[in-house]
Amino acid sequence: MPSIAYELARCHVCGGADTDEVADAEEVRAEVEALWAFHTRRVDGATPPDKLLDRAAFSEPPPVRVVRCRGCGLVYRNPQERPEELAGIYAADTGVGDDVLRTLFENQRRSYRAQARRLTRIASAPGTGLEVGSYVGAFLDAARACGWRFEGVDINEGASRFARARGLTVTVGTIDDVPPARRFDAVAVWNCLDQLPDPRHVILRARALLSPGGIVAVRVPNGEAYARWRDAAGHGRVAPLARAMLAHNNLLSFPYRYGFTLRSLRRLLRDAGLELIHVHGDTLVPVADEHTHRWARLEERALKGALRVLRRLRLTPATASPWLEAYARATQ
């Protein structure tokens, strides 16, 4: 396997270099081992390795070190993989078969139905849309069912081909490959902004592609939740619960370049000429499949269900959720 080239990084939201350490190299290695042990205990012995993709193994290698910006709260890898490394990682054909992509599509589509309905409610009516990082097309399919005319852009040829086979419109490329004269009523960046080399550039491009009154919607891992639960996972009787919360929501081992906070999201959107109008706290989509033990499926459902109930009852703020959805409208 070729070596990965790294570089020191500043905060990609506010540009600051003053940080606190969240996890050092040894602590990250311990999280990787804990994550693998967590998921392999919950699946049967005949589980194919590719079925653990995006659960116990991820596209990017684990971080060397995780820090938190003192200026805006962004949690990020430092050092980071160089941008040219990322294009190769996400564009590569990993050899994942259609059966795995089909499982991902079905699991994600159930969650994306709720997101498509939220977007429709916030935008007041369906219209035209662009999804950045559309992958297997689950959101495009859910949005179509709500009356939207969404199209996607993604750098992974295999995933894009899978989506097009389902009658969805997907272009292989990045947001920079979308003609600048195009206009959309909504631009969505679900589960993708945290993996991109320059999130500020992507949000600026999304803003430029909006029709008047259009919406930019993003879904990102909550860096504040990772830092807080990670502290709890190392102490006392709540440690097993905190580790389970992290693992079931793909936060354990921090497989992202960035973990956003409400403060850093607001800053990022404001600097692009967007006003934050709605925040929704949520959990990761279900990851259990036919290889998952029944007790583990029930565990995942109970933990995520409890988080959603607490949020609906307003017993916990959106900022305590493992994932954040932010909806913003262009300012004049």
Protein backbone atom coordinates (compact mmCIF):
# COMPACT_ATOMS: atom_id res chain seq x y z
CA MET A 1 0.00 0.00 0.00
CA PRO A 2 1.50 3.40 -0.97
CA SER A 3 2.43 5.77 1.84
CA ILE A 4 0.20 8.75 2.58
CA ALA A 5 1.65 12.27 2.42
CA TYR A 6 0.62 14.61 5.23
CA GLU A 7 0.86 18.33 5.89
CA LEU A 8 0.26 20.56 8.90
CA ALA A 9 -3.07 22.33 8.79
CA ARG A 10 -4.80 25.42 10.13
CA CYS A 11 -8.51 25.62 10.87
CA HIS A 12 -10.37 25.53 7.54
CA VAL A 13 -13.23 27.65 8.92
CA CYS A 14 -11.60 30.59 10.71
CA GLY A 15 -7.97 30.15 9.65
CA GLY A 16 -6.72 29.95 13.24
CA ALA A 17 -3.79 27.85 14.39
CA ASP A 18 -4.46 27.90 18.15
CA THR A 19 -5.80 24.46 19.12
CA ASP A 20 -6.35 22.03 21.98
CA GLU A 21 -5.48 18.37 21.52
CA VAL A 22 -8.49 16.03 21.55
CA ALA A 23 -6.68 12.73 20.82
CA ASP A 24 -3.01 11.92 20.27
CA ALA A 25 -1.61 9.15 18.07
CA GLU A 26 -1.69 6.49 20.79
CA GLU A 27 -5.26 7.34 21.75
CA VAL A 28 -6.38 7.19 18.11
CA ARG A 29 -4.80 3.73 17.73
CA ALA A 30 -6.68 2.57 20.81
CA GLU A 31 -9.94 3.86 19.32
CA VAL A 32 -9.29 2.01 16.05
CA GLU A 33 -8.76 -1.24 17.94
CA ALA A 34 -11.84 -0.63 20.10
CA LEU A 35 -13.97 0.08 17.01
CA TRP A 36 -12.87 -3.11 15.29
CA ALA A 37 -13.53 -5.18 18.41
CA PHE A 38 -16.92 -3.49 18.87
CA HIS A 39 -18.25 -4.32 15.41
CA THR A 40 -16.69 -7.76 14.95
CA ARG A 41 -18.39 -8.86 18.19
CA ARG A 42 -21.73 -7.80 16.74
CA VAL A 43 -21.55 -9.69 13.45
CA ASP A 44 -21.33 -13.40 12.70
CA GLY A 45 -18.05 -15.09 11.85
CA ALA A 46 -18.93 -15.49 8.17
CA THR A 47 -19.29 -11.76 7.51
CA PRO A 48 -17.39 -10.73 4.35
CA PRO A 49 -14.84 -7.98 5.04
CA ASP A 50 -16.51 -5.59 2.58
CA LYS A 51 -19.67 -5.73 4.73
CA LEU A 52 -17.73 -3.86 7.42
CA LEU A 53 -17.05 -0.97 5.05
CA ASP A 54 -18.00 2.35 6.66
CA ARG A 55 -18.47 0.62 10.00
CA ALA A 56 -15.12 -0.75 11.17
CA ALA A 57 -13.09 0.27 8.11
CA PHE A 58 -13.21 3.54 6.19
CA SER A 59 -11.92 5.04 2.97
CA GLU A 60 -9.44 7.35 4.67
CA PRO A 61 -6.75 6.01 7.03
CA PRO A 62 -7.18 6.84 10.73
CA PRO A 63 -6.00 10.29 11.82
CA VAL A 64 -2.53 10.79 13.24
CA ARG A 65 -3.87 13.31 15.76
CA VAL A 66 -7.15 15.17 16.39
CA VAL A 67 -7.35 18.79 17.59
CA ARG A 68 -10.01 21.42 18.32
CA CYS A 69 -9.80 25.03 17.16
CA ARG A 70 -9.97 27.49 20.05
CA GLY A 71 -11.39 30.15 17.76
CA CYS A 72 -14.49 28.46 16.30
CA GLY A 73 -14.57 24.96 17.82
CA LEU A 74 -13.90 23.00 14.61
CA VAL A 75 -12.49 19.54 15.37
CA TYR A 76 -10.05 18.35 12.74
CA ARG A 77 -7.08 16.17 11.85
CA ASN A 78 -3.69 17.80 12.22
CA PRO A 79 -1.61 16.81 10.34
CA GLN A 80 -3.94 16.11 7.41
CA GLU A 81 -3.66 14.07 4.24
CA ARG A 82 -2.73 16.32 1.32
CA PRO A 83 -5.65 17.22 -0.99
CA GLU A 84 -4.24 15.25 -3.92
CA GLU A 85 -4.30 12.12 -1.76
CA LEU A 86 -8.04 12.44 -1.18
CA ALA A 87 -8.98 12.51 -4.86
CA GLY A 88 -7.32 9.15 -5.36
CA ILE A 89 -8.93 7.64 -2.26
CA TYR A 90 -12.51 8.56 -3.12
CA ALA A 91 -12.33 8.20 -6.89
CA ALA A 92 -10.78 4.73 -6.71
CA ASP A 93 -12.81 1.67 -7.60
CA THR A 94 -12.58 -0.31 -4.37
CA GLY A 95 -14.05 -3.43 -5.92
CA VAL A 96 -17.20 -3.19 -3.80
CA GLY A 97 -19.92 -5.27 -5.43
CA ASP A 98 -23.43 -4.22 -6.34
CA ASP A 99 -24.84 -6.21 -3.42
CA VAL A 100 -22.96 -3.99 -0.94
CA LEU A 101 -23.96 -0.83 -2.82
CA ARG A 102 -27.56 -2.04 -2.87
CA THR A 103 -27.53 -2.54 0.92
CA LEU A 104 -26.09 0.95 1.40
CA PHE A 105 -28.72 2.37 -0.95
CA GLU A 106 -31.62 0.78 0.95
CA ASN A 107 -30.28 1.68 4.41
CA GLN A 108 -29.58 5.27 3.41
CA ARG A 109 -32.81 5.80 1.49
CA ARG A 110 -34.93 5.26 4.62
CA SER A 111 -33.09 8.07 6.41
CA TYR A 112 -32.95 10.30 3.34
CA ARG A 113 -36.74 10.24 3.06
CA ALA A 114 -36.91 12.23 6.29
CA GLN A 115 -34.22 14.63 5.04
CA ALA A 116 -36.04 15.15 1.74
CA ARG A 117 -39.23 15.97 3.64
CA ARG A 118 -37.37 18.41 5.92
CA LEU A 119 -35.78 20.14 2.95
CA THR A 120 -39.17 20.42 1.23
CA ARG A 121 -40.73 21.93 4.34
CA ILE A 122 -37.91 24.47 4.83
CA ALA A 123 -37.83 25.40 1.12
CA SER A 124 -41.68 25.63 1.11
CA ALA A 125 -41.92 23.60 -2.11
CA PRO A 126 -39.86 21.16 -4.18
CA GLY A 127 -37.81 22.49 -7.06
CA THR A 128 -34.45 21.87 -8.70
CA GLY A 129 -31.50 20.64 -6.71
CA LEU A 130 -27.89 19.53 -6.78
CA GLU A 131 -26.38 17.00 -4.37
CA VAL A 132 -22.61 17.17 -3.93
CA GLY A 133 -21.21 13.72 -3.16
CA SER A 134 -24.32 11.78 -4.23
CA TYR A 135 -22.56 8.37 -3.98
CA VAL A 136 -25.12 5.57 -4.57
CA GLY A 137 -27.99 8.03 -5.14
CA ALA A 138 -30.16 7.28 -2.11
CA PHE A 139 -31.01 10.92 -1.47
CA LEU A 140 -31.63 11.61 -5.16
CA ASP A 141 -34.19 8.80 -5.14
CA ALA A 142 -35.85 10.05 -1.93
CA ALA A 143 -35.96 13.63 -3.22
CA ARG A 144 -37.53 12.48 -6.49
CA ALA A 145 -40.32 10.84 -4.49
CA CYS A 146 -40.97 14.24 -2.84
CA GLY A 147 -41.29 15.99 -6.20
CA TRP A 148 -37.77 17.44 -6.44
CA ARG A 149 -35.72 17.45 -9.64
CA PHE A 150 -32.36 16.70 -8.08
CA GLU A 151 -29.17 15.67 -9.83
CA GLY A 152 -25.89 14.55 -8.30
CA VAL A 153 -22.15 14.98 -8.74
CA ASP A 154 -19.65 12.49 -7.32
CA ILE A 155 -16.05 11.55 -8.10
CA ASN A 156 -16.61 7.79 -7.68
CA GLU A 157 -17.36 6.25 -11.09
CA GLY A 158 -18.61 2.92 -9.71
CA ALA A 159 -21.09 4.47 -7.29
CA SER A 160 -22.25 6.96 -9.93
CA ARG A 161 -22.82 4.14 -12.41
CA PHE A 162 -24.88 2.29 -9.79
CA ALA A 163 -27.04 5.41 -9.27
CA ARG A 164 -27.52 6.02 -12.99
CA ALA A 165 -28.72 2.45 -13.40
CA ARG A 166 -31.64 3.45 -11.17
CA GLY A 167 -32.64 6.27 -13.49
CA LEU A 168 -30.92 9.00 -11.49
CA THR A 169 -28.92 11.85 -13.02
CA VAL A 170 -25.33 11.84 -11.78
CA THR A 171 -22.20 13.45 -13.23
CA VAL A 172 -18.75 12.13 -12.37
CA GLY A 173 -16.75 15.03 -10.98
CA THR A 174 -16.81 17.71 -8.29
CA ILE A 175 -18.86 20.84 -7.71
CA ASP A 176 -16.28 22.70 -9.79
CA ASP A 177 -17.39 20.64 -12.81
CA VAL A 178 -20.93 22.05 -12.58
CA PRO A 179 -21.29 24.87 -15.14
CA PRO A 180 -21.22 28.20 -13.26
CA ALA A 181 -24.28 29.47 -15.15
CA ARG A 182 -26.47 26.70 -13.68
CA ARG A 183 -28.90 27.64 -10.88
CA PHE A 184 -30.62 25.41 -8.33
CA ASP A 185 -33.29 25.93 -5.69
CA ALA A 186 -31.25 23.81 -3.28
CA VAL A 187 -27.70 22.52 -3.02
CA ALA A 188 -27.24 19.64 -0.56
CA VAL A 189 -23.93 18.36 0.80
CA TRP A 190 -24.89 15.33 2.89
CA ASN A 191 -22.21 13.28 4.72
CA CYS A 192 -19.53 14.72 2.45
CA LEU A 193 -18.41 18.18 3.56
CA ASP A 194 -16.38 16.61 6.39
CA GLN A 195 -14.31 14.60 3.89
CA LEU A 196 -13.44 17.33 1.39
CA PRO A 197 -10.07 19.10 1.26
CA ASP A 198 -11.58 22.62 1.30
CA PRO A 199 -15.11 22.89 2.77
CA ARG A 200 -15.03 26.69 2.57
CA HIS A 201 -14.55 26.57 -1.21
CA VAL A 202 -17.41 24.07 -1.62
CA ILE A 203 -19.84 26.24 0.38
CA LEU A 204 -18.84 29.32 -1.64
CA ARG A 205 -19.46 27.41 -4.89
CA ALA A 206 -22.79 26.12 -3.56
CA ARG A 207 -23.85 29.69 -2.73
CA ALA A 208 -22.92 30.82 -6.25
CA LEU A 209 -25.14 28.12 -7.79
CA LEU A 210 -28.28 29.11 -5.84
CA SER A 211 -31.38 30.61 -7.35
CA PRO A 212 -32.80 33.64 -5.47
CA GLY A 213 -34.10 32.44 -2.10
CA GLY A 214 -32.36 29.07 -2.52
CA ILE A 215 -31.21 26.78 0.28
CA VAL A 216 -27.84 25.22 1.07
CA ALA A 217 -28.22 22.12 3.25
CA VAL A 218 -25.37 20.22 4.89
CA ARG A 219 -25.14 17.19 7.15
CA VAL A 220 -21.93 16.79 9.13
CA PRO A 221 -20.50 14.84 12.10
CA ASN A 222 -20.66 16.78 15.36
CA GLY A 223 -17.12 17.43 16.57
CA GLU A 224 -18.37 18.65 19.95
CA ALA A 225 -20.25 15.38 20.51
CA TYR A 226 -17.14 13.37 19.58
CA ALA A 227 -14.97 15.28 22.06
CA ARG A 228 -17.50 15.05 24.90
CA TRP A 229 -18.43 11.39 24.45
CA ARG A 230 -14.79 10.48 23.98
CA ASP A 231 -14.02 11.94 27.42
CA ALA A 232 -16.95 10.02 28.90
CA ALA A 233 -15.85 6.78 27.22
CA GLY A 234 -12.73 6.70 29.38
CA HIS A 235 -14.38 7.09 32.77
CA GLY A 236 -16.66 5.16 35.13
CA ARG A 237 -19.91 3.34 34.61
CA VAL A 238 -20.97 5.43 31.60
CA ALA A 239 -17.89 4.39 29.60
CA PRO A 240 -19.51 1.38 27.78
CA LEU A 241 -22.56 3.46 26.85
CA ALA A 242 -20.42 6.35 25.59
CA ARG A 243 -18.28 3.98 23.47
CA ALA A 244 -21.44 2.41 22.01
CA MET A 245 -22.83 5.86 21.17
CA LEU A 246 -19.58 6.76 19.40
CA ALA A 247 -19.29 3.46 17.54
CA HIS A 248 -22.92 3.24 16.39
CA ASN A 249 -22.68 6.78 15.01
CA ASN A 250 -19.31 6.37 13.22
CA LEU A 251 -17.51 8.78 15.53
CA LEU A 252 -15.15 6.35 17.27
CA SER A 253 -11.66 6.70 15.71
CA PHE A 254 -12.81 9.97 14.03
CA PRO A 255 -12.86 8.80 10.37
CA TYR A 256 -13.37 12.38 9.11
CA ARG A 257 -11.22 15.37 8.24
CA TYR A 258 -13.55 17.71 10.14
CA GLY A 259 -16.09 17.48 12.94
CA PHE A 260 -18.17 20.66 12.86
CA THR A 261 -19.82 22.46 15.75
CA LEU A 262 -22.78 24.81 15.57
CA ARG A 263 -20.38 27.72 16.05
CA SER A 264 -18.07 26.66 13.24
CA LEU A 265 -20.99 25.89 10.89
CA ARG A 266 -22.54 29.30 11.51
CA ARG A 267 -19.18 30.99 10.77
CA LEU A 268 -18.61 28.94 7.61
CA LEU A 269 -22.06 29.70 6.21
CA ARG A 270 -22.01 33.37 7.20
CA ASP A 271 -18.70 33.94 5.46
CA ALA A 272 -20.25 32.56 2.26
CA GLY A 273 -23.22 34.93 2.41
CA LEU A 274 -25.64 32.42 3.92
CA GLU A 275 -27.89 32.78 6.96
CA LEU A 276 -28.42 29.71 9.14
CA ILE A 277 -32.20 29.24 9.44
CA HIS A 278 -32.61 25.73 10.85
CA VAL A 279 -30.53 23.12 12.68
CA HIS A 280 -31.60 19.51 13.11
CA GLY A 281 -29.77 17.10 15.41
CA ASP A 282 -29.76 13.49 14.26
CA THR A 283 -28.07 10.08 14.41
CA LEU A 284 -26.23 8.05 11.78
CA VAL A 285 -28.34 5.99 9.37
CA PRO A 286 -28.81 2.34 10.47
CA VAL A 287 -25.78 0.18 9.66
CA ALA A 288 -26.96 -3.25 10.84
CA ASP A 289 -27.49 -5.83 8.09
CA GLU A 290 -28.25 -9.52 7.66
CA HIS A 291 -24.88 -10.42 9.23
CA THR A 292 -25.56 -8.46 12.43
CA HIS A 293 -26.62 -10.42 15.52
CA ARG A 294 -30.21 -9.75 16.57
CA TRP A 295 -29.21 -8.35 19.96
CA ALA A 296 -26.83 -5.92 18.23
CA ARG A 297 -29.57 -4.73 15.85
CA LEU A 298 -31.81 -4.08 18.85
CA GLU A 299 -28.98 -2.30 20.65
CA GLU A 300 -28.36 0.05 17.72
CA ARG A 301 -32.07 0.75 17.31
CA ALA A 302 -32.53 1.45 21.03
CA LEU A 303 -29.54 3.77 21.36
CA LYS A 304 -30.37 5.83 18.29
CA GLY A 305 -34.06 5.83 19.14
CA ALA A 306 -33.33 7.14 22.63
CA LEU A 307 -31.22 9.98 21.20
CA ARG A 308 -33.98 10.96 18.78
CA VAL A 309 -36.66 10.88 21.52
CA LEU A 310 -34.56 13.06 23.83
CA ARG A 311 -34.09 15.50 20.98
CA ARG A 312 -37.80 15.59 20.05
CA LEU A 313 -38.74 16.18 23.70
CA ARG A 314 -36.14 18.98 23.79
CA LEU A 315 -34.41 17.31 26.73
CA THR A 316 -31.12 17.62 24.86
CA PRO A 317 -30.11 20.39 22.43
CA ALA A 318 -29.41 19.72 18.75
CA THR A 319 -25.76 20.42 19.48
CA ALA A 320 -25.60 17.25 21.62
CA SER A 321 -26.56 15.02 18.68
CA PRO A 322 -23.86 12.97 16.93
CA TRP A 323 -24.79 14.44 13.54
CA LEU A 324 -25.92 17.95 12.63
CA GLU A 325 -28.03 19.10 9.70
CA ALA A 326 -27.85 22.80 8.89
CA TYR A 327 -30.08 24.67 6.46
CA ALA A 328 -29.10 28.14 5.29
CA ARG A 329 -30.59 30.71 2.90
CA ALA A 330 -28.68 33.21 0.81
CA THR A 331 -28.57 36.69 2.30
CA GLN A 332 -29.13 39.78 0.15
